[in-house]
Amino acid sequence: VTATATYTLPIDESLGEISIGATLSYVDSQFVSSGNAAEFAAGRIPFDSGIIPSRTVINLNLNWKKVGGSPIDMAIFATNVNNEDAYVAG
């Protein structure tokens, strides 16, 4: 599940448009296994399984369009601000 929210600050248009946003991504726990069940049954390789825990990742961004009324846009972003571990394999 992913949800994003953005808020545009109510500032004078001559300064440009500044918005702040956050994205929250949630992944539920997952069953993982390594090895091949047939090879395991034949006694040739180990078979291991486990659970990767659920995780929530938060990303933030700040956007400034038409900086000070100029044709320049700026953006700053930070990913995984809650320092969540992300497992990619079991």
C-alpha atoms as a PDB file:
ATOM      1  CA  VAL A   1       0.000   0.000   0.000  1.00  0.00           C
ATOM      2  CA  THR A   2       1.327   3.424  -0.889  1.00  0.00           C
ATOM      3  CA  ALA A   3      -0.176   6.810   0.009  1.00  0.00           C
ATOM      4  CA  THR A   4       1.086  10.264  -0.918  1.00  0.00           C
ATOM      5  CA  ALA A   5      -0.006  13.653   0.404  1.00  0.00           C
ATOM      6  CA  THR A   6       1.140  17.086  -0.769  1.00  0.00           C
ATOM      7  CA  TYR A   7       0.436  20.485   0.778  1.00  0.00           C
ATOM      8  CA  THR A   8       1.016  23.756  -1.071  1.00  0.00           C
ATOM      9  CA  LEU A   9       1.998  26.594   1.253  1.00  0.00           C
ATOM     10  CA  PRO A  10      -0.197  29.701   1.064  1.00  0.00           C
ATOM     11  CA  ILE A  11       2.485  32.235   0.085  1.00  0.00           C
ATOM     12  CA  ASP A  12       2.505  35.220  -2.240  1.00  0.00           C
ATOM     13  CA  GLU A  13       2.587  34.119  -5.898  1.00  0.00           C
ATOM     14  CA  SER A  14       5.510  36.463  -6.572  1.00  0.00           C
ATOM     15  CA  LEU A  15       7.710  34.152  -4.462  1.00  0.00           C
ATOM     16  CA  GLY A  16       6.742  31.089  -6.479  1.00  0.00           C
ATOM     17  CA  GLU A  17       4.957  27.961  -5.333  1.00  0.00           C
ATOM     18  CA  ILE A  18       6.273  25.901  -2.417  1.00  0.00           C
ATOM     19  CA  SER A  19       4.856  22.490  -1.616  1.00  0.00           C
ATOM     20  CA  ILE A  20       5.796  19.793   0.858  1.00  0.00           C
ATOM     21  CA  GLY A  21       4.924  16.156   0.479  1.00  0.00           C
ATOM     22  CA  ALA A  22       5.221  12.782   2.096  1.00  0.00           C
ATOM     23  CA  THR A  23       4.903   9.266   0.732  1.00  0.00           C
ATOM     24  CA  LEU A  24       4.261   6.309   2.999  1.00  0.00           C
ATOM     25  CA  SER A  25       4.767   2.789   1.649  1.00  0.00           C
ATOM     26  CA  TYR A  26       3.746  -0.293   3.610  1.00  0.00           C
ATOM     27  CA  VAL A  27       4.628  -3.887   2.744  1.00  0.00           C
ATOM     28  CA  ASP A  28       3.114  -6.693   4.798  1.00  0.00           C
ATOM     29  CA  SER A  29       5.181  -9.596   6.128  1.00  0.00           C
ATOM     30  CA  GLN A  30       6.163 -12.190   3.528  1.00  0.00           C
ATOM     31  CA  PHE A  31       6.978 -15.887   3.599  1.00  0.00           C
ATOM     32  CA  VAL A  32      10.293 -16.604   1.879  1.00  0.00           C
ATOM     33  CA  SER A  33      12.172 -19.776   1.113  1.00  0.00           C
ATOM     34  CA  SER A  34      15.494 -20.666  -0.422  1.00  0.00           C
ATOM     35  CA  GLY A  35      16.431 -23.842  -2.157  1.00  0.00           C
ATOM     36  CA  ASN A  36      14.447 -26.220  -4.286  1.00  0.00           C
ATOM     37  CA  ALA A  37      11.865 -28.437  -2.594  1.00  0.00           C
ATOM     38  CA  ALA A  38      12.566 -31.399  -4.912  1.00  0.00           C
ATOM     39  CA  GLU A  39      16.320 -31.184  -4.294  1.00  0.00           C
ATOM     40  CA  PHE A  40      15.646 -30.886  -0.559  1.00  0.00           C
ATOM     41  CA  ALA A  41      13.431 -33.979  -0.625  1.00  0.00           C
ATOM     42  CA  ALA A  42      16.220 -35.873  -2.378  1.00  0.00           C
ATOM     43  CA  GLY A  43      18.614 -34.805   0.419  1.00  0.00           C
ATOM     44  CA  ARG A  44      20.918 -32.881  -1.926  1.00  0.00           C
ATOM     45  CA  ILE A  45      20.508 -29.292  -0.701  1.00  0.00           C
ATOM     46  CA  PRO A  46      19.270 -27.576   2.430  1.00  0.00           C
ATOM     47  CA  PHE A  47      15.885 -25.939   2.405  1.00  0.00           C
ATOM     48  CA  ASP A  48      15.309 -22.892   4.527  1.00  0.00           C
ATOM     49  CA  SER A  49      12.298 -20.690   4.987  1.00  0.00           C
ATOM     50  CA  GLY A  50      11.267 -17.773   7.112  1.00  0.00           C
ATOM     51  CA  ILE A  51       9.262 -14.604   7.390  1.00  0.00           C
ATOM     52  CA  ILE A  52      10.405 -11.169   6.268  1.00  0.00           C
ATOM     53  CA  PRO A  53       8.735  -8.755   8.703  1.00  0.00           C
ATOM     54  CA  SER A  54       6.374  -6.036   7.527  1.00  0.00           C
ATOM     55  CA  ARG A  55       7.895  -2.622   6.921  1.00  0.00           C
ATOM     56  CA  THR A  56       6.849   0.973   6.457  1.00  0.00           C
ATOM     57  CA  VAL A  57       9.024   3.436   4.564  1.00  0.00           C
ATOM     58  CA  ILE A  58       8.511   7.213   4.673  1.00  0.00           C
ATOM     59  CA  ASN A  59       9.851   9.557   1.973  1.00  0.00           C
ATOM     60  CA  LEU A  60       9.660  13.370   2.127  1.00  0.00           C
ATOM     61  CA  ASN A  61       9.998  16.093  -0.502  1.00  0.00           C
ATOM     62  CA  LEU A  62      10.002  19.857  -0.783  1.00  0.00           C
ATOM     63  CA  ASN A  63       9.342  21.525  -4.147  1.00  0.00           C
ATOM     64  CA  TRP A  64       9.747  25.193  -5.009  1.00  0.00           C
ATOM     65  CA  LYS A  65       8.469  26.159  -8.460  1.00  0.00           C
ATOM     66  CA  LYS A  66       9.352  29.536  -9.995  1.00  0.00           C
ATOM     67  CA  VAL A  67      11.848  30.352  -7.223  1.00  0.00           C
ATOM     68  CA  GLY A  68      11.378  34.016  -6.309  1.00  0.00           C
ATOM     69  CA  GLY A  69       9.388  34.538  -9.520  1.00  0.00           C
ATOM     70  CA  SER A  70      12.233  33.209 -11.711  1.00  0.00           C
ATOM     71  CA  PRO A  71      12.012  30.408 -14.294  1.00  0.00           C
ATOM     72  CA  ILE A  72      13.974  28.109 -11.931  1.00  0.00           C
ATOM     73  CA  ASP A  73      12.448  25.192 -10.012  1.00  0.00           C
ATOM     74  CA  MET A  74      14.089  23.433  -7.059  1.00  0.00           C
ATOM     75  CA  ALA A  75      13.360  20.146  -5.312  1.00  0.00           C
ATOM     76  CA  ILE A  76      14.782  18.459  -2.233  1.00  0.00           C
ATOM     77  CA  PHE A  77      13.877  14.955  -1.221  1.00  0.00           C
ATOM     78  CA  ALA A  78      14.760  12.453   1.481  1.00  0.00           C
ATOM     79  CA  THR A  79      14.078   8.746   1.192  1.00  0.00           C
ATOM     80  CA  ASN A  80      13.566   6.253   3.987  1.00  0.00           C
ATOM     81  CA  VAL A  81      13.621   8.953   6.673  1.00  0.00           C
ATOM     82  CA  ASN A  82      12.520   6.451   9.306  1.00  0.00           C
ATOM     83  CA  ASN A  83      15.615   4.288   8.525  1.00  0.00           C
ATOM     84  CA  GLU A  84      13.585   1.128   7.884  1.00  0.00           C
ATOM     85  CA  ASP A  85      15.499  -2.015   6.909  1.00  0.00           C
ATOM     86  CA  ALA A  86      14.435  -3.402   3.549  1.00  0.00           C
ATOM     87  CA  TYR A  87      15.070  -7.098   3.050  1.00  0.00           C
ATOM     88  CA  VAL A  88      15.365  -8.168  -0.566  1.00  0.00           C
ATOM     89  CA  ALA A  89      15.755 -11.928  -0.067  1.00  0.00           C
ATOM     90  CA  GLY A  90      15.271 -14.588   2.586  1.00  0.00           C
END
